[in-house]
Amino acid sequence: MITEGHMRDMVERHLAGTGHFLVDVEVRPGDKVVVEVDDPHAITLEQLVALNRALRADLDAQGHDLELQVGSPGMGRPFKVPAQYAKHTGRLVVVKLADGRALEGRLEAVDAAGLHLRPLIPSKVKGRPDKLDDDVLALPFADIRSTQASLKFK
């Protein structure tokens, strides 16, 4: 059986020099491995297929017979690695805090201590768009339960 650490090393080796970054590796029961990768700009289906084929070739050469799934993280999924925060800087995100509150706003910056969010203020008049607050909140990572991209459909 393959370990998560071994799979991470294999994926990182194939991603070196591509600009893509590893988001997550999950080894599930029943010999199923799920790999999530992303790119600061966008990752294409062709790039995911190429990575899948390269990983499959390595696994076959090592004698591992398992189900491999390579994809990108879904838009509605919480961020797992710092590179995802950097990718979404300047975009609307939803931040769920440890105290149960949720804040929506534009992600202004990210540093080692936390993130800087310009909160979205709901309009009091129906039909008018929401506005961004002039103040930026500094939210330490210790106070954040999860952050994900905000999806708006018009």
C-alpha atoms as a PDB file:
ATOM      1  CA  MET A   1       0.000   0.000   0.000  1.00  0.00           C
ATOM      2  CA  ILE A   2       1.245   3.473  -0.877  1.00  0.00           C
ATOM      3  CA  THR A   3       1.591   6.145   1.799  1.00  0.00           C
ATOM      4  CA  GLU A   4       0.429   9.740   1.580  1.00  0.00           C
ATOM      5  CA  GLY A   5       4.005  10.967   2.078  1.00  0.00           C
ATOM      6  CA  HIS A   6       5.351   8.824  -0.765  1.00  0.00           C
ATOM      7  CA  MET A   7       2.558  10.045  -3.057  1.00  0.00           C
ATOM      8  CA  ARG A   8       3.197  13.691  -2.082  1.00  0.00           C
ATOM      9  CA  ASP A   9       6.887  13.318  -2.947  1.00  0.00           C
ATOM     10  CA  MET A  10       6.019  11.777  -6.307  1.00  0.00           C
ATOM     11  CA  VAL A  11       3.534  14.551  -7.160  1.00  0.00           C
ATOM     12  CA  GLU A  12       5.926  17.324  -6.048  1.00  0.00           C
ATOM     13  CA  ARG A  13       8.647  15.845  -8.267  1.00  0.00           C
ATOM     14  CA  HIS A  14       6.344  16.000 -11.298  1.00  0.00           C
ATOM     15  CA  LEU A  15       5.154  19.534 -10.458  1.00  0.00           C
ATOM     16  CA  ALA A  16       8.685  20.950 -10.093  1.00  0.00           C
ATOM     17  CA  GLY A  17       9.242  23.734 -12.593  1.00  0.00           C
ATOM     18  CA  THR A  18       5.644  23.800 -13.863  1.00  0.00           C
ATOM     19  CA  GLY A  19       4.293  26.627 -11.697  1.00  0.00           C
ATOM     20  CA  HIS A  20       1.519  24.314 -10.468  1.00  0.00           C
ATOM     21  CA  PHE A  21       1.208  23.615  -6.758  1.00  0.00           C
ATOM     22  CA  LEU A  22       0.003  20.664  -4.718  1.00  0.00           C
ATOM     23  CA  VAL A  23      -3.160  21.294  -2.722  1.00  0.00           C
ATOM     24  CA  ASP A  24      -3.850  17.879  -1.209  1.00  0.00           C
ATOM     25  CA  VAL A  25      -3.179  14.157  -1.444  1.00  0.00           C
ATOM     26  CA  GLU A  26      -5.599  11.733   0.115  1.00  0.00           C
ATOM     27  CA  VAL A  27      -5.094   7.973   0.310  1.00  0.00           C
ATOM     28  CA  ARG A  28      -8.494   6.366   0.802  1.00  0.00           C
ATOM     29  CA  PRO A  29      -9.445   2.808   1.706  1.00  0.00           C
ATOM     30  CA  GLY A  30      -9.728   0.434  -1.211  1.00  0.00           C
ATOM     31  CA  ASP A  31      -6.484   1.594  -2.830  1.00  0.00           C
ATOM     32  CA  LYS A  32      -7.862   4.911  -4.063  1.00  0.00           C
ATOM     33  CA  VAL A  33      -5.644   8.004  -4.228  1.00  0.00           C
ATOM     34  CA  VAL A  34      -7.052  11.498  -4.812  1.00  0.00           C
ATOM     35  CA  VAL A  35      -4.616  14.257  -5.818  1.00  0.00           C
ATOM     36  CA  GLU A  36      -5.590  17.941  -6.032  1.00  0.00           C
ATOM     37  CA  VAL A  37      -3.316  20.412  -7.814  1.00  0.00           C
ATOM     38  CA  ASP A  38      -3.815  24.024  -8.840  1.00  0.00           C
ATOM     39  CA  ASP A  39      -2.037  26.879 -10.568  1.00  0.00           C
ATOM     40  CA  PRO A  40      -1.759  30.590  -9.666  1.00  0.00           C
ATOM     41  CA  HIS A  41      -3.547  31.433 -12.929  1.00  0.00           C
ATOM     42  CA  ALA A  42      -5.483  28.402 -14.177  1.00  0.00           C
ATOM     43  CA  ILE A  43      -4.818  24.728 -14.682  1.00  0.00           C
ATOM     44  CA  THR A  44      -6.141  23.055 -17.803  1.00  0.00           C
ATOM     45  CA  LEU A  45      -7.682  19.661 -18.265  1.00  0.00           C
ATOM     46  CA  GLU A  46      -4.796  18.715 -20.544  1.00  0.00           C
ATOM     47  CA  GLN A  47      -2.281  19.535 -17.801  1.00  0.00           C
ATOM     48  CA  LEU A  48      -4.226  17.415 -15.305  1.00  0.00           C
ATOM     49  CA  VAL A  49      -4.381  14.511 -17.770  1.00  0.00           C
ATOM     50  CA  ALA A  50      -0.619  14.755 -18.400  1.00  0.00           C
ATOM     51  CA  LEU A  51       0.080  14.685 -14.646  1.00  0.00           C
ATOM     52  CA  ASN A  52      -2.283  11.737 -14.197  1.00  0.00           C
ATOM     53  CA  ARG A  53      -0.476   9.793 -16.941  1.00  0.00           C
ATOM     54  CA  ALA A  54       2.967  10.586 -15.510  1.00  0.00           C
ATOM     55  CA  LEU A  55       1.901   9.523 -12.008  1.00  0.00           C
ATOM     56  CA  ARG A  56       0.217   6.383 -13.347  1.00  0.00           C
ATOM     57  CA  ALA A  57       3.436   5.429 -15.179  1.00  0.00           C
ATOM     58  CA  ASP A  58       5.477   5.860 -11.976  1.00  0.00           C
ATOM     59  CA  LEU A  59       2.961   3.870  -9.907  1.00  0.00           C
ATOM     60  CA  ASP A  60       2.863   1.050 -12.460  1.00  0.00           C
ATOM     61  CA  ALA A  61       6.681   0.931 -12.558  1.00  0.00           C
ATOM     62  CA  GLN A  62       6.713   0.601  -8.761  1.00  0.00           C
ATOM     63  CA  GLY A  63       4.127  -2.198  -8.855  1.00  0.00           C
ATOM     64  CA  HIS A  64       1.264  -0.229  -7.264  1.00  0.00           C
ATOM     65  CA  ASP A  65      -2.171  -1.195  -8.553  1.00  0.00           C
ATOM     66  CA  LEU A  66      -4.557   1.479  -7.350  1.00  0.00           C
ATOM     67  CA  GLU A  67      -7.239   3.895  -8.502  1.00  0.00           C
ATOM     68  CA  LEU A  68      -5.797   7.355  -9.170  1.00  0.00           C
ATOM     69  CA  GLN A  69      -7.850  10.526  -9.441  1.00  0.00           C
ATOM     70  CA  VAL A  70      -6.094  13.810 -10.324  1.00  0.00           C
ATOM     71  CA  GLY A  71      -8.064  17.068 -10.356  1.00  0.00           C
ATOM     72  CA  SER A  72      -8.222  20.643  -9.209  1.00  0.00           C
ATOM     73  CA  PRO A  73      -9.949  21.750  -6.016  1.00  0.00           C
ATOM     74  CA  GLY A  74     -13.567  22.787  -6.418  1.00  0.00           C
ATOM     75  CA  MET A  75     -14.522  26.467  -6.173  1.00  0.00           C
ATOM     76  CA  GLY A  76     -16.782  25.857  -3.186  1.00  0.00           C
ATOM     77  CA  ARG A  77     -14.145  24.007  -1.186  1.00  0.00           C
ATOM     78  CA  PRO A  78     -12.173  25.616   1.654  1.00  0.00           C
ATOM     79  CA  PHE A  79      -8.585  26.685   0.999  1.00  0.00           C
ATOM     80  CA  LYS A  80      -5.962  24.235   2.255  1.00  0.00           C
ATOM     81  CA  VAL A  81      -2.599  25.775   1.332  1.00  0.00           C
ATOM     82  CA  PRO A  82      -1.182  29.342   1.360  1.00  0.00           C
ATOM     83  CA  ALA A  83      -0.851  29.375  -2.448  1.00  0.00           C
ATOM     84  CA  GLN A  84      -4.651  29.234  -2.717  1.00  0.00           C
ATOM     85  CA  TYR A  85      -4.937  32.409  -0.621  1.00  0.00           C
ATOM     86  CA  ALA A  86      -2.391  34.123  -2.870  1.00  0.00           C
ATOM     87  CA  LYS A  87      -4.304  32.994  -5.971  1.00  0.00           C
ATOM     88  CA  HIS A  88      -7.535  34.529  -4.673  1.00  0.00           C
ATOM     89  CA  THR A  89      -6.064  37.866  -3.532  1.00  0.00           C
ATOM     90  CA  GLY A  90      -8.296  40.626  -4.888  1.00  0.00           C
ATOM     91  CA  ARG A  91     -11.331  38.334  -5.159  1.00  0.00           C
ATOM     92  CA  LEU A  92     -14.404  37.879  -2.979  1.00  0.00           C
ATOM     93  CA  VAL A  93     -14.099  35.192  -0.304  1.00  0.00           C
ATOM     94  CA  VAL A  94     -16.167  33.900   2.606  1.00  0.00           C
ATOM     95  CA  VAL A  95     -14.279  33.555   5.889  1.00  0.00           C
ATOM     96  CA  LYS A  96     -15.815  31.383   8.620  1.00  0.00           C
ATOM     97  CA  LEU A  97     -14.469  32.370  12.008  1.00  0.00           C
ATOM     98  CA  ALA A  98     -13.851  30.131  15.008  1.00  0.00           C
ATOM     99  CA  ASP A  99     -16.604  31.936  16.951  1.00  0.00           C
ATOM    100  CA  GLY A 100     -19.224  30.879  14.357  1.00  0.00           C
ATOM    101  CA  ARG A 101     -19.520  34.156  12.439  1.00  0.00           C
ATOM    102  CA  ALA A 102     -19.019  34.347   8.700  1.00  0.00           C
ATOM    103  CA  LEU A 103     -17.581  37.366   6.885  1.00  0.00           C
ATOM    104  CA  GLU A 104     -17.707  37.994   3.163  1.00  0.00           C
ATOM    105  CA  GLY A 105     -15.388  40.438   1.494  1.00  0.00           C
ATOM    106  CA  ARG A 106     -12.461  41.023  -0.815  1.00  0.00           C
ATOM    107  CA  LEU A 107      -9.210  39.333   0.149  1.00  0.00           C
ATOM    108  CA  GLU A 108      -6.722  42.206   0.129  1.00  0.00           C
ATOM    109  CA  ALA A 109      -3.542  40.477   1.303  1.00  0.00           C
ATOM    110  CA  VAL A 110      -2.175  37.405   3.039  1.00  0.00           C
ATOM    111  CA  ASP A 111       0.877  37.089   5.272  1.00  0.00           C
ATOM    112  CA  ALA A 112       2.267  34.536   7.705  1.00  0.00           C
ATOM    113  CA  ALA A 113       0.041  35.795  10.542  1.00  0.00           C
ATOM    114  CA  GLY A 114      -3.275  35.882   8.725  1.00  0.00           C
ATOM    115  CA  LEU A 115      -5.285  37.571   6.047  1.00  0.00           C
ATOM    116  CA  HIS A 116      -6.534  41.096   5.398  1.00  0.00           C
ATOM    117  CA  LEU A 117     -10.179  41.341   4.374  1.00  0.00           C
ATOM    118  CA  ARG A 118     -12.206  44.303   3.130  1.00  0.00           C
ATOM    119  CA  PRO A 119     -15.709  43.306   4.329  1.00  0.00           C
ATOM    120  CA  LEU A 120     -18.713  43.479   2.038  1.00  0.00           C
ATOM    121  CA  ILE A 121     -21.514  45.635   3.485  1.00  0.00           C
ATOM    122  CA  PRO A 122     -24.984  44.507   2.404  1.00  0.00           C
ATOM    123  CA  SER A 123     -27.096  47.192   0.744  1.00  0.00           C
ATOM    124  CA  LYS A 124     -30.125  48.370   2.715  1.00  0.00           C
ATOM    125  CA  VAL A 125     -31.982  49.108  -0.521  1.00  0.00           C
ATOM    126  CA  LYS A 126     -33.266  46.149  -2.502  1.00  0.00           C
ATOM    127  CA  GLY A 127     -31.709  45.935  -5.954  1.00  0.00           C
ATOM    128  CA  ARG A 128     -28.615  47.972  -5.152  1.00  0.00           C
ATOM    129  CA  PRO A 129     -25.272  46.187  -5.127  1.00  0.00           C
ATOM    130  CA  ASP A 130     -23.414  45.570  -1.888  1.00  0.00           C
ATOM    131  CA  LYS A 131     -20.418  47.833  -1.173  1.00  0.00           C
ATOM    132  CA  LEU A 132     -16.967  47.144   0.175  1.00  0.00           C
ATOM    133  CA  ASP A 133     -16.083  48.731   3.505  1.00  0.00           C
ATOM    134  CA  ASP A 134     -13.316  51.351   3.515  1.00  0.00           C
ATOM    135  CA  ASP A 135     -11.589  49.627   6.457  1.00  0.00           C
ATOM    136  CA  VAL A 136      -9.536  46.448   6.124  1.00  0.00           C
ATOM    137  CA  LEU A 137      -9.809  43.816   8.863  1.00  0.00           C
ATOM    138  CA  ALA A 138      -6.732  41.877   9.916  1.00  0.00           C
ATOM    139  CA  LEU A 139      -7.812  38.315  10.726  1.00  0.00           C
ATOM    140  CA  PRO A 140      -5.226  36.018  12.347  1.00  0.00           C
ATOM    141  CA  PHE A 141      -5.254  32.422  11.102  1.00  0.00           C
ATOM    142  CA  ALA A 142      -5.874  31.267  14.688  1.00  0.00           C
ATOM    143  CA  ASP A 143      -9.335  32.911  14.529  1.00  0.00           C
ATOM    144  CA  ILE A 144     -10.252  31.421  11.128  1.00  0.00           C
ATOM    145  CA  ARG A 145     -11.997  28.067  10.757  1.00  0.00           C
ATOM    146  CA  SER A 146     -12.116  28.118   6.936  1.00  0.00           C
ATOM    147  CA  THR A 147     -11.904  30.373   3.884  1.00  0.00           C
ATOM    148  CA  GLN A 148     -13.338  29.724   0.454  1.00  0.00           C
ATOM    149  CA  ALA A 149     -14.050  31.603  -2.748  1.00  0.00           C
ATOM    150  CA  SER A 150     -17.393  33.398  -2.828  1.00  0.00           C
ATOM    151  CA  LEU A 151     -19.674  32.283  -5.617  1.00  0.00           C
ATOM    152  CA  LYS A 152     -22.178  34.843  -6.923  1.00  0.00           C
ATOM    153  CA  PHE A 153     -24.693  34.050  -9.640  1.00  0.00           C
ATOM    154  CA  LYS A 154     -26.678  36.820 -11.277  1.00  0.00           C
END
